[in-house]
N, C-alpha and C. Protein backbone atom coordinates (compact mmCIF):
# COMPACT_ATOMS: atom_id res chain seq x y z
N MET A 1 20.72 -24.56 17.90
CA MET A 1 21.89 -25.38 17.22
C MET A 1 22.54 -24.89 15.61
N SER A 2 23.83 -24.80 15.70
CA SER A 2 24.06 -24.14 14.49
C SER A 2 25.25 -25.09 13.91
N ARG A 3 25.43 -25.38 12.51
CA ARG A 3 26.42 -25.95 11.86
C ARG A 3 27.19 -25.54 11.10
N ASP A 4 28.80 -25.54 11.13
CA ASP A 4 29.71 -25.31 10.09
C ASP A 4 29.65 -25.99 8.80
N VAL A 5 29.29 -25.23 7.77
CA VAL A 5 29.20 -26.17 6.35
C VAL A 5 29.58 -25.35 5.54
N GLY A 6 30.70 -25.40 4.72
CA GLY A 6 31.44 -25.04 3.59
C GLY A 6 32.07 -23.81 4.06
N GLY A 7 32.20 -23.50 5.67
CA GLY A 7 33.29 -22.18 6.10
C GLY A 7 32.09 -21.12 6.55
N GLY A 8 30.68 -21.48 6.64
CA GLY A 8 29.79 -20.42 6.82
C GLY A 8 28.75 -21.57 8.29
N VAL A 9 28.37 -20.37 9.17
CA VAL A 9 27.56 -20.81 10.14
C VAL A 9 26.02 -20.50 9.92
N TYR A 10 25.17 -21.80 9.86
CA TYR A 10 23.96 -21.80 9.27
C TYR A 10 23.16 -22.29 10.72
N GLY A 11 21.73 -21.71 10.87
CA GLY A 11 21.12 -22.00 12.01
C GLY A 11 20.92 -20.63 12.79
N VAL A 12 21.95 -19.72 12.74
CA VAL A 12 21.99 -18.72 13.74
C VAL A 12 21.64 -17.54 13.08
N VAL A 13 20.66 -16.85 13.38
CA VAL A 13 20.51 -15.49 13.08
C VAL A 13 21.15 -14.43 13.44
N MET A 14 21.91 -13.75 12.79
CA MET A 14 22.83 -12.49 13.37
C MET A 14 22.33 -11.39 12.65
N ALA A 15 21.74 -10.49 13.32
CA ALA A 15 21.31 -8.77 12.58
C ALA A 15 22.58 -8.07 12.35
N SER A 16 22.80 -7.65 11.21
CA SER A 16 23.43 -6.48 11.54
C SER A 16 23.53 -5.36 11.78
N THR A 17 24.52 -4.61 12.24
CA THR A 17 24.46 -3.33 12.45
C THR A 17 24.72 -2.21 11.31
N VAL A 18 25.28 -2.63 10.37
CA VAL A 18 25.70 -1.92 8.92
C VAL A 18 24.87 -2.41 7.98
N CYS A 19 24.18 -1.62 7.19
CA CYS A 19 23.42 -1.84 5.92
C CYS A 19 23.95 -2.55 5.03
N VAL A 20 23.90 -3.54 4.48
CA VAL A 20 24.66 -4.62 3.57
C VAL A 20 24.27 -4.04 2.17
N ALA A 21 23.70 -2.81 1.91
CA ALA A 21 23.91 -3.09 0.56
C ALA A 21 25.25 -2.07 -0.10
N SER A 22 25.69 -2.63 -1.04
CA SER A 22 26.96 -2.49 -1.41
C SER A 22 27.50 -1.08 -1.51
N GLY A 23 28.25 -0.84 -0.80
CA GLY A 23 28.99 0.35 -0.34
C GLY A 23 28.17 1.45 0.75
N CYS A 24 27.44 0.93 1.34
CA CYS A 24 26.42 1.80 2.30
C CYS A 24 27.29 1.08 3.74
N ALA A 25 27.43 2.45 4.34
CA ALA A 25 27.79 1.88 5.68
C ALA A 25 26.91 2.61 6.98
N SER A 26 25.53 2.96 6.45
CA SER A 26 24.72 3.32 7.50
C SER A 26 24.08 2.47 8.32
N ALA A 27 23.83 2.86 9.39
CA ALA A 27 23.06 2.14 10.73
C ALA A 27 21.84 1.32 10.18
N VAL A 28 21.77 0.16 10.49
CA VAL A 28 20.58 -0.37 10.53
C VAL A 28 19.66 -0.47 11.62
N ASP A 29 18.58 -0.22 11.39
CA ASP A 29 17.29 0.13 12.72
C ASP A 29 17.44 -1.27 13.32
N ALA A 30 16.85 -1.67 14.61
CA ALA A 30 16.93 -2.73 15.07
C ALA A 30 15.95 -3.52 14.77
N ASP A 31 14.71 -2.61 14.47
CA ASP A 31 13.24 -3.48 14.07
C ASP A 31 13.09 -3.65 12.59
N ALA A 32 14.16 -3.64 11.81
CA ALA A 32 14.09 -3.23 10.39
C ALA A 32 14.17 -4.99 10.02
N PRO A 33 13.11 -5.29 9.08
CA PRO A 33 12.91 -6.69 8.42
C PRO A 33 14.04 -7.12 7.83
N LEU A 34 14.93 -6.37 7.38
CA LEU A 34 16.26 -6.97 6.35
C LEU A 34 17.05 -6.07 6.95
N ASP A 35 18.82 -6.71 6.69
CA ASP A 35 19.57 -5.56 7.24
C ASP A 35 20.04 -4.69 6.13
N LEU A 36 18.94 -3.50 6.29
CA LEU A 36 19.34 -2.21 5.35
C LEU A 36 18.86 -0.99 6.18
N CYS A 37 19.56 -0.07 5.74
CA CYS A 37 19.39 1.04 6.35
C CYS A 37 17.90 1.43 5.91
N ASP A 38 17.32 2.83 6.69
CA ASP A 38 16.01 3.24 6.45
C ASP A 38 15.91 3.87 4.89
N TRP A 39 17.07 4.21 4.19
CA TRP A 39 17.14 4.78 3.03
C TRP A 39 17.22 3.33 1.89
N HIS A 40 17.47 2.48 2.19
CA HIS A 40 17.56 1.43 1.09
C HIS A 40 16.43 0.38 1.61
N LEU A 41 15.72 0.73 2.57
CA LEU A 41 14.12 0.06 2.53
C LEU A 41 13.45 0.85 2.21
N SER A 42 13.57 1.88 2.04
CA SER A 42 12.16 2.81 1.31
C SER A 42 12.55 2.91 -0.17
N VAL A 43 13.87 2.30 -0.72
CA VAL A 43 13.85 2.36 -1.88
C VAL A 43 13.64 0.77 -2.74
N ALA A 44 13.71 -0.17 -1.64
CA ALA A 44 13.13 -1.38 -1.78
C ALA A 44 11.31 -1.66 -1.74
N ALA A 45 11.00 -0.66 -1.04
CA ALA A 45 9.32 -0.42 -0.80
C ALA A 45 8.98 0.30 -2.20
N ASP A 46 9.63 1.18 -2.14
CA ASP A 46 9.20 1.96 -3.65
C ASP A 46 9.27 1.00 -4.83
N TRP A 47 10.43 0.04 -5.03
CA TRP A 47 10.56 -0.79 -6.09
C TRP A 47 9.48 -1.71 -6.42
N ALA A 48 8.97 -1.98 -4.81
CA ALA A 48 7.79 -3.28 -4.61
C ALA A 48 6.60 -2.57 -4.86
N GLY A 49 6.42 -1.22 -4.70
CA GLY A 49 5.15 -0.61 -5.12
C GLY A 49 5.11 -0.19 -6.30
N ALA A 50 6.19 -0.06 -7.10
CA ALA A 50 5.73 -0.03 -8.43
C ALA A 50 5.43 -1.14 -9.43
N GLN A 51 5.77 -2.27 -8.51
CA GLN A 51 5.36 -3.64 -9.34
C GLN A 51 4.16 -4.24 -8.88
N ASP A 52 3.84 -3.74 -7.68
CA ASP A 52 2.12 -3.98 -6.98
C ASP A 52 1.46 -2.66 -6.95
N GLY A 53 1.86 -1.92 -6.75
CA GLY A 53 1.04 -0.66 -6.50
C GLY A 53 0.87 -0.87 -4.93
N VAL A 54 0.47 0.64 -4.72
CA VAL A 54 0.56 0.67 -3.14
C VAL A 54 -0.96 1.18 -2.84
N THR A 55 -1.60 0.73 -1.89
CA THR A 55 -3.15 1.01 -1.52
C THR A 55 -3.19 1.74 -0.66
N ASP A 56 -3.73 3.33 -0.66
CA ASP A 56 -3.55 4.42 0.27
C ASP A 56 -5.00 5.18 0.00
N LEU A 57 -4.98 6.42 0.77
CA LEU A 57 -6.17 7.14 0.47
C LEU A 57 -5.76 8.12 -0.62
N LEU A 58 -7.03 8.26 -1.55
CA LEU A 58 -6.83 9.00 -2.73
C LEU A 58 -6.65 10.34 -2.09
N PRO A 59 -6.10 11.10 -3.01
CA PRO A 59 -5.94 12.55 -3.01
C PRO A 59 -7.51 13.43 -2.65
N SER A 60 -8.42 12.87 -3.43
CA SER A 60 -9.88 13.24 -3.26
C SER A 60 -10.58 12.41 -3.89
N PRO A 61 -11.65 12.44 -3.35
CA PRO A 61 -12.57 11.11 -3.70
C PRO A 61 -12.89 10.99 -5.40
N CYS A 62 -13.09 9.60 -5.41
CA CYS A 62 -13.47 9.20 -7.23
C CYS A 62 -14.49 9.93 -7.31
N VAL A 63 -14.33 10.51 -8.64
CA VAL A 63 -15.27 11.23 -9.49
C VAL A 63 -16.34 10.42 -9.94
N LEU A 64 -16.28 9.12 -10.13
CA LEU A 64 -17.19 8.09 -10.25
C LEU A 64 -18.04 7.52 -9.13
N CYS A 65 -17.21 6.83 -8.17
CA CYS A 65 -17.81 6.52 -7.47
C CYS A 65 -17.79 6.68 -6.18
N ASP A 66 -16.97 7.69 -5.61
CA ASP A 66 -16.88 8.77 -4.31
C ASP A 66 -16.13 8.02 -3.59
N SER A 67 -15.39 6.77 -3.82
CA SER A 67 -14.41 6.00 -2.94
C SER A 67 -13.35 6.97 -2.69
N ARG A 68 -12.47 6.84 -1.35
CA ARG A 68 -11.39 7.55 -1.06
C ARG A 68 -10.45 6.51 -1.12
N LEU A 69 -10.77 5.55 -1.02
CA LEU A 69 -9.46 4.40 -1.63
C LEU A 69 -8.84 4.14 -2.61
N GLY A 70 -7.78 4.52 -2.98
CA GLY A 70 -6.86 3.83 -3.81
C GLY A 70 -5.96 3.39 -4.25
N VAL A 71 -4.79 3.04 -5.17
CA VAL A 71 -3.91 2.40 -5.38
C VAL A 71 -2.70 3.82 -6.14
N ARG A 72 -1.71 3.53 -5.79
CA ARG A 72 -0.83 4.43 -6.27
C ARG A 72 0.47 3.55 -6.98
N TRP A 73 0.42 4.10 -8.37
CA TRP A 73 1.34 3.64 -9.48
C TRP A 73 2.26 4.35 -9.47
N PRO A 74 3.32 4.02 -10.25
CA PRO A 74 4.63 5.18 -10.35
C PRO A 74 3.96 6.35 -11.79
N SER A 75 2.69 5.68 -12.20
CA SER A 75 2.39 6.50 -13.45
C SER A 75 1.22 7.36 -12.87
N GLY A 76 0.48 7.28 -11.50
CA GLY A 76 -0.38 7.96 -11.57
C GLY A 76 -1.46 7.08 -10.27
N TRP A 77 -2.55 7.76 -9.92
CA TRP A 77 -3.46 6.94 -8.90
C TRP A 77 -4.69 6.22 -9.82
N VAL A 78 -5.11 5.19 -9.21
CA VAL A 78 -6.46 4.63 -10.02
C VAL A 78 -7.32 4.78 -8.65
N CYS A 79 -8.81 4.45 -8.65
CA CYS A 79 -9.69 4.16 -7.95
C CYS A 79 -9.78 2.76 -7.26
N ALA A 80 -9.41 2.50 -6.18
CA ALA A 80 -9.20 1.01 -5.89
C ALA A 80 -10.86 0.19 -6.04
N VAL A 81 -11.70 0.76 -6.16
CA VAL A 81 -13.32 0.14 -6.38
C VAL A 81 -13.41 0.09 -7.97
N CYS A 82 -13.37 1.17 -8.37
CA CYS A 82 -13.79 1.05 -9.63
C CYS A 82 -12.63 1.45 -10.70
N GLU A 83 -11.52 1.58 -10.19
CA GLU A 83 -10.61 1.53 -11.26
C GLU A 83 -10.14 2.66 -11.92
N TRP A 84 -11.03 3.64 -11.73
CA TRP A 84 -10.96 4.91 -12.63
C TRP A 84 -9.67 5.89 -12.17
N ARG A 85 -9.21 6.18 -13.47
CA ARG A 85 -7.75 6.87 -13.24
C ARG A 85 -8.02 8.43 -12.72
N VAL A 86 -7.46 8.41 -11.55
CA VAL A 86 -7.66 9.96 -10.89
C VAL A 86 -7.16 11.10 -11.96
N GLY A 87 -8.06 11.98 -11.86
CA GLY A 87 -7.24 13.00 -13.13
C GLY A 87 -8.28 12.95 -14.34
N ASP A 88 -8.83 11.80 -14.64
CA ASP A 88 -9.30 11.65 -15.80
C ASP A 88 -10.90 12.17 -15.72
N VAL A 89 -11.28 13.33 -16.56
CA VAL A 89 -12.38 13.81 -16.24
C VAL A 89 -13.34 13.20 -17.09
N VAL A 90 -14.51 12.99 -16.60
CA VAL A 90 -15.70 12.24 -17.34
C VAL A 90 -16.35 13.28 -17.96
N ASP A 91 -16.68 13.33 -19.34
CA ASP A 91 -17.39 14.21 -20.30
C ASP A 91 -18.67 14.24 -19.79
N GLY A 92 -19.20 15.34 -19.33
CA GLY A 92 -20.24 16.01 -18.60
C GLY A 92 -21.15 15.82 -20.08
N GLU A 93 -20.98 16.41 -21.09
CA GLU A 93 -21.90 16.69 -22.05
C GLU A 93 -22.24 15.02 -22.33
N LEU A 94 -21.67 14.23 -22.39
CA LEU A 94 -22.01 12.61 -22.66
C LEU A 94 -23.28 12.02 -21.42
N ALA A 95 -24.39 11.51 -21.84
CA ALA A 95 -25.32 10.76 -20.97
C ALA A 95 -24.46 9.72 -20.22
N PRO A 96 -24.89 9.62 -19.25
CA PRO A 96 -24.00 8.36 -18.44
C PRO A 96 -24.44 7.22 -19.10
N PRO A 97 -23.50 6.35 -19.03
CA PRO A 97 -23.70 4.66 -19.81
C PRO A 97 -25.04 4.12 -18.98
N ARG A 98 -25.48 3.16 -19.93
CA ARG A 98 -26.73 2.31 -19.23
C ARG A 98 -26.14 1.05 -18.95
N VAL A 99 -26.20 0.74 -17.70
CA VAL A 99 -25.50 -0.31 -17.02
C VAL A 99 -27.03 -0.86 -16.14
N ASP A 100 -27.46 -1.99 -17.17
CA ASP A 100 -28.77 -2.77 -16.28
C ASP A 100 -28.63 -3.95 -15.33
N VAL A 101 -29.21 -4.02 -14.61
CA VAL A 101 -29.08 -4.86 -13.27
C VAL A 101 -30.40 -5.25 -13.03
N VAL A 102 -30.08 -6.56 -12.34
CA VAL A 102 -31.16 -7.05 -11.86
C VAL A 102 -30.85 -7.00 -10.31
N TYR A 103 -31.80 -6.59 -9.60
CA TYR A 103 -31.31 -6.25 -7.72
C TYR A 103 -32.19 -7.43 -7.30
N TYR A 104 -31.47 -7.33 -6.00
CA TYR A 104 -32.25 -8.40 -5.12
C TYR A 104 -32.48 -7.41 -3.77
N LEU A 105 -33.38 -7.53 -3.20
CA LEU A 105 -33.98 -6.69 -2.03
C LEU A 105 -34.38 -7.51 -1.36
N GLY A 106 -34.24 -7.43 -0.03
CA GLY A 106 -34.35 -8.12 1.37
C GLY A 106 -35.42 -7.08 2.08
N TYR A 107 -36.74 -7.92 2.28
CA TYR A 107 -37.75 -7.46 3.13
C TYR A 107 -38.13 -8.46 4.07
N ALA A 108 -37.81 -8.62 5.42
CA ALA A 108 -38.17 -9.85 6.31
C ALA A 108 -37.42 -11.08 6.16
N ASP A 109 -38.73 -12.02 5.02
CA ASP A 109 -38.08 -13.11 4.88
C ASP A 109 -38.51 -13.18 3.30
N ARG A 110 -38.61 -12.12 2.58
CA ARG A 110 -38.90 -12.04 1.18
C ARG A 110 -37.82 -11.31 0.35
N VAL A 111 -37.70 -11.71 -0.97
CA VAL A 111 -36.99 -10.98 -1.41
C VAL A 111 -37.68 -10.52 -2.95
N LYS A 112 -37.33 -9.39 -3.40
CA LYS A 112 -37.92 -9.04 -4.27
C LYS A 112 -36.68 -8.75 -5.63
N ILE A 113 -37.17 -9.55 -6.77
CA ILE A 113 -35.92 -9.52 -7.77
C ILE A 113 -36.92 -8.58 -9.07
N GLY A 114 -36.12 -7.65 -9.39
CA GLY A 114 -36.76 -6.90 -10.12
C GLY A 114 -35.18 -6.20 -10.91
N THR A 115 -35.48 -5.11 -11.81
CA THR A 115 -34.49 -5.00 -12.70
C THR A 115 -34.46 -3.24 -12.92
N THR A 116 -33.46 -2.49 -13.22
CA THR A 116 -33.30 -1.29 -13.33
C THR A 116 -31.98 -0.74 -14.36
N ALA A 117 -31.80 0.20 -15.15
CA ALA A 117 -30.84 0.55 -15.51
C ALA A 117 -30.22 1.96 -14.82
N GLN A 118 -31.38 2.32 -13.48
CA GLN A 118 -30.71 3.50 -12.43
C GLN A 118 -31.16 2.97 -11.07
N PRO A 119 -30.31 2.16 -10.37
CA PRO A 119 -30.79 1.63 -9.29
C PRO A 119 -30.75 2.35 -8.27
N ARG A 120 -30.24 3.36 -8.15
CA ARG A 120 -30.67 4.50 -6.89
C ARG A 120 -31.60 5.05 -6.84
N ARG A 121 -32.24 5.27 -7.95
CA ARG A 121 -33.49 6.10 -8.28
C ARG A 121 -34.49 4.72 -8.05
N ARG A 122 -34.40 3.89 -8.43
CA ARG A 122 -35.50 2.83 -8.44
C ARG A 122 -35.42 2.18 -7.05
N LEU A 123 -34.50 2.12 -6.19
CA LEU A 123 -34.27 1.31 -5.11
C LEU A 123 -35.03 2.50 -3.72
N ARG A 124 -35.05 3.71 -4.02
CA ARG A 124 -35.27 4.75 -3.25
C ARG A 124 -36.58 4.79 -3.08
N VAL A 125 -37.57 4.33 -4.18
CA VAL A 125 -39.09 4.26 -4.03
C VAL A 125 -39.75 2.77 -3.38
N LEU A 126 -38.50 1.69 -3.51
CA LEU A 126 -39.06 0.53 -3.10
C LEU A 126 -39.12 0.12 -1.65
N TRP A 127 -39.92 -0.47 -0.98
CA TRP A 127 -39.85 -0.88 0.29
C TRP A 127 -38.98 -1.97 0.28
N HIS A 128 -38.22 -1.63 1.29
CA HIS A 128 -37.26 -2.93 1.52
C HIS A 128 -36.14 -2.67 2.62
N ASP A 129 -35.61 -3.71 3.37
CA ASP A 129 -35.22 -3.75 4.51
C ASP A 129 -33.28 -3.57 4.29
N ARG A 130 -33.25 -4.35 3.39
CA ARG A 130 -31.46 -4.24 2.63
C ARG A 130 -31.36 -4.79 1.28
N LEU A 131 -30.79 -4.12 0.76
CA LEU A 131 -29.82 -4.22 -0.95
C LEU A 131 -28.97 -5.51 -0.58
N LEU A 132 -29.60 -7.07 -1.23
CA LEU A 132 -28.90 -8.63 -0.96
C LEU A 132 -27.67 -8.16 -2.12
N ALA A 133 -28.24 -8.11 -3.58
CA ALA A 133 -27.22 -8.35 -4.49
C ALA A 133 -27.31 -7.14 -5.84
N PHE A 134 -26.49 -7.48 -6.68
CA PHE A 134 -26.71 -6.95 -8.17
C PHE A 134 -26.36 -8.04 -8.80
N GLU A 135 -26.78 -7.98 -10.28
CA GLU A 135 -26.49 -8.90 -11.10
C GLU A 135 -26.67 -8.35 -12.27
N ARG A 136 -25.47 -8.33 -13.05
CA ARG A 136 -25.68 -7.74 -14.68
C ARG A 136 -27.01 -8.42 -15.16
N GLY A 137 -27.42 -7.48 -15.93
CA GLY A 137 -28.57 -8.22 -16.76
C GLY A 137 -29.78 -7.45 -17.02
N ASP A 138 -30.41 -7.90 -18.03
CA ASP A 138 -31.79 -6.85 -18.40
C ASP A 138 -33.32 -7.29 -17.90
N ARG A 139 -34.26 -7.08 -18.90
CA ARG A 139 -35.22 -7.86 -18.48
C ARG A 139 -35.36 -9.23 -18.78
N LEU A 140 -34.37 -9.70 -19.85
CA LEU A 140 -34.39 -11.13 -19.98
C LEU A 140 -33.75 -12.20 -18.87
N VAL A 141 -32.81 -11.31 -18.06
CA VAL A 141 -32.29 -12.09 -16.86
C VAL A 141 -33.15 -12.08 -15.68
N GLU A 142 -33.92 -11.18 -15.73
CA GLU A 142 -34.84 -10.77 -14.61
C GLU A 142 -35.63 -11.82 -14.88
N ARG A 143 -36.48 -12.19 -15.94
CA ARG A 143 -37.34 -13.19 -16.22
C ARG A 143 -36.91 -14.64 -15.96
N ARG A 144 -35.52 -14.74 -16.65
CA ARG A 144 -34.81 -16.18 -16.35
C ARG A 144 -35.22 -16.51 -14.45
N ARG A 145 -34.74 -15.40 -13.90
CA ARG A 145 -34.46 -15.61 -12.59
C ARG A 145 -36.04 -15.39 -11.94
N HIS A 146 -36.95 -15.05 -12.19
CA HIS A 146 -38.38 -15.24 -12.06
C HIS A 146 -38.79 -16.87 -12.23
N ASP A 147 -38.61 -17.19 -13.34
CA ASP A 147 -38.64 -18.69 -13.82
C ASP A 147 -37.84 -19.62 -12.79
N GLN A 148 -36.83 -18.89 -12.72
CA GLN A 148 -35.67 -20.24 -11.86
C GLN A 148 -36.45 -20.26 -10.46
N PHE A 149 -37.11 -19.37 -9.88
CA PHE A 149 -37.69 -19.24 -8.57
C PHE A 149 -38.62 -19.20 -8.86
N GLY A 150 -39.50 -19.65 -9.62
CA GLY A 150 -41.26 -19.66 -9.80
C GLY A 150 -41.70 -20.46 -8.52
N ALA A 151 -41.50 -21.38 -8.00
CA ALA A 151 -42.09 -21.87 -6.88
C ALA A 151 -42.05 -21.52 -5.72
N GLU A 152 -40.78 -20.12 -5.30
CA GLU A 152 -41.05 -19.54 -4.13
C GLU A 152 -41.62 -18.06 -4.85
N ARG A 153 -42.28 -17.96 -5.68
CA ARG A 153 -42.82 -16.63 -6.31
C ARG A 153 -44.34 -16.29 -5.51
N PHE A 154 -44.70 -15.19 -4.78
CA PHE A 154 -46.19 -14.89 -4.80
C PHE A 154 -46.54 -14.45 -5.81
N ALA A 155 -47.69 -15.17 -5.95
CA ALA A 155 -48.67 -14.74 -7.10
C ALA A 155 -48.65 -13.54 -7.92
N ARG A 156 -48.43 -13.25 -8.82
CA ARG A 156 -48.51 -12.15 -9.67
C ARG A 156 -47.61 -10.60 -9.07
N THR A 157 -46.41 -11.02 -8.54
CA THR A 157 -45.73 -10.18 -8.16
C THR A 157 -44.23 -10.27 -8.19
N GLU A 158 -43.54 -9.78 -7.98
CA GLU A 158 -41.82 -9.47 -7.96
C GLU A 158 -41.34 -10.44 -6.72
N TRP A 159 -42.09 -10.55 -5.92
CA TRP A 159 -41.71 -10.78 -4.52
C TRP A 159 -41.59 -12.62 -4.36
N PHE A 160 -40.61 -12.70 -4.02
CA PHE A 160 -40.30 -14.48 -3.57
C PHE A 160 -40.21 -14.84 -1.87
N GLN A 161 -40.54 -15.77 -1.72
CA GLN A 161 -40.35 -16.25 -0.56
C GLN A 161 -38.68 -16.62 -0.10
N LEU A 162 -38.17 -16.20 0.61
CA LEU A 162 -36.30 -16.42 0.70
C LEU A 162 -36.23 -18.24 0.74
N SER A 163 -35.89 -19.23 -0.02
CA SER A 163 -35.82 -20.49 0.19
C SER A 163 -34.34 -20.94 0.06
N ASP A 164 -33.93 -22.03 0.41
CA ASP A 164 -32.53 -22.44 0.51
C ASP A 164 -31.97 -22.08 -0.95
N ALA A 165 -32.78 -22.49 -2.13
CA ALA A 165 -32.09 -22.23 -3.43
C ALA A 165 -31.93 -21.01 -3.74
N LEU A 166 -32.80 -19.86 -3.62
CA LEU A 166 -32.50 -18.69 -3.68
C LEU A 166 -31.70 -17.73 -2.97
N ALA A 167 -31.45 -18.08 -1.76
CA ALA A 167 -30.26 -17.56 -0.79
C ALA A 167 -28.90 -18.40 -1.34
N ALA A 168 -28.77 -19.24 -1.90
CA ALA A 168 -27.68 -19.72 -2.52
C ALA A 168 -27.27 -19.38 -3.58
N HIS A 169 -28.36 -18.59 -4.56
CA HIS A 169 -27.97 -17.81 -5.46
C HIS A 169 -27.35 -16.38 -5.24
N ILE A 170 -28.05 -15.89 -4.10
CA ILE A 170 -27.62 -14.48 -3.77
C ILE A 170 -26.43 -14.80 -3.39
N ASP A 171 -26.01 -15.60 -2.40
CA ASP A 171 -24.69 -15.96 -1.97
C ASP A 171 -23.90 -15.83 -2.92
N ALA A 172 -23.95 -16.89 -4.04
CA ALA A 172 -23.25 -16.78 -5.34
C ALA A 172 -23.03 -15.40 -5.82
N LEU A 173 -24.02 -14.50 -5.93
CA LEU A 173 -23.74 -13.31 -6.34
C LEU A 173 -22.79 -12.42 -5.63
N ARG A 174 -23.00 -12.58 -4.44
CA ARG A 174 -22.15 -11.66 -3.51
C ARG A 174 -20.88 -12.20 -2.73
N ALA A 175 -20.70 -13.35 -3.45
CA ALA A 175 -19.23 -13.94 -3.26
C ALA A 175 -17.94 -13.20 -3.53
N GLY A 176 -17.25 -12.44 -2.70
CA GLY A 176 -16.27 -11.60 -2.77
C GLY A 176 -16.62 -9.97 -2.74
N ILE A 177 -18.05 -9.70 -2.70
CA ILE A 177 -18.57 -8.46 -3.14
C ILE A 177 -19.03 -7.94 -1.79
N GLU A 178 -18.17 -6.94 -1.17
CA GLU A 178 -18.62 -6.43 0.20
C GLU A 178 -19.89 -5.40 -0.03
N ASP A 179 -19.90 -4.89 -0.76
CA ASP A 179 -20.85 -3.57 -1.09
C ASP A 179 -21.20 -3.88 -2.62
N PRO A 180 -22.83 -4.11 -2.83
CA PRO A 180 -23.20 -4.20 -4.16
C PRO A 180 -23.19 -2.72 -4.97
N TRP A 181 -22.90 -1.64 -3.83
CA TRP A 181 -22.97 -0.25 -4.76
C TRP A 181 -21.44 0.04 -5.31
N GLN A 182 -20.48 -0.65 -4.69
CA GLN A 182 -19.39 -0.48 -5.33
C GLN A 182 -19.11 -1.35 -6.51
N GLN A 183 -19.68 -2.58 -6.46
CA GLN A 183 -20.11 -3.21 -7.64
C GLN A 183 -20.35 -2.68 -8.92
N PHE A 184 -21.75 -1.81 -8.52
CA PHE A 184 -22.15 -1.39 -9.65
C PHE A 184 -21.40 -0.28 -9.96
N ALA A 185 -20.86 0.74 -8.84
CA ALA A 185 -19.94 1.51 -9.38
C ALA A 185 -18.80 1.29 -10.53
N ARG A 186 -18.13 0.09 -10.08
CA ARG A 186 -16.99 -0.77 -11.01
C ARG A 186 -17.72 -0.89 -12.81
N TRP A 187 -18.98 -1.26 -12.79
CA TRP A 187 -19.54 -1.75 -14.08
C TRP A 187 -19.43 -0.54 -14.49
N THR A 188 -20.24 0.71 -13.69
CA THR A 188 -20.30 1.86 -14.15
C THR A 188 -19.09 2.58 -15.20
N SER A 189 -18.06 2.34 -14.30
CA SER A 189 -16.74 2.88 -14.60
C SER A 189 -16.25 2.03 -16.41
N GLU A 190 -16.29 0.61 -15.75
CA GLU A 190 -15.91 0.05 -17.07
C GLU A 190 -16.81 0.42 -17.92
N ALA A 191 -17.56 0.97 -17.95
CA ALA A 191 -18.96 1.32 -19.53
C ALA A 191 -18.28 2.56 -19.85
N ILE A 192 -17.80 3.44 -18.79
CA ILE A 192 -17.50 4.80 -19.49
C ILE A 192 -16.05 4.79 -19.97
N ALA A 193 -15.12 3.74 -19.55
CA ALA A 193 -14.13 3.69 -20.11
C ALA A 193 -14.08 2.99 -21.55
N ARG A 194 -15.10 1.76 -21.79
CA ARG A 194 -15.06 1.30 -23.12
C ARG A 194 -15.66 2.32 -24.18
N ARG A 195 -16.57 3.58 -23.75
CA ARG A 195 -16.77 4.38 -24.56
C ARG A 195 -15.78 5.22 -24.89
N GLY A 196 -14.74 5.75 -23.99
CA GLY A 196 -13.81 6.67 -24.19
C GLY A 196 -14.08 7.79 -23.63
N ALA A 197 -14.60 7.89 -22.55
CA ALA A 197 -15.51 8.99 -22.55
C ALA A 197 -14.22 9.75 -21.21
């Protein structure tokens, strides 16, 4: 039902066949979300992209984390995973930054809690079914976790029985994280950016 209010009819949706942009008489596509011609819709999309960035495939994989997903801004591309600016070169003469992590590995109903600054190398040599999570931290954080979950610990090892409390802690670490490796790549990228490499 429509009502006449102040000389305008409200409640009835009428699509314009001509672009409503000032001075434009181009046709509007019947499927267009707004009464704008293709060119004005494109301009509006570009404007919105300049405000929010446009997620798309990177021109080439990220040099830091190897991701193919990026965000295109008017000033250039950044990796959607680690936010490294595409085109910035990592100084190969500098050693990679040290990013200490506490890792949580799953094997059957057990969890290994350990620490390393080189998780790919360390995890290659450890028996496990799956990587459950990473937590930023060094031996001090690892020791706190060993104490925190001491009741579940297998004597004189870094292995723990998976309990409700340990599962809840791991779930909290994983909240919003699809892949712990992407999280580690982001931490590495941040460390490189902080030192100005």
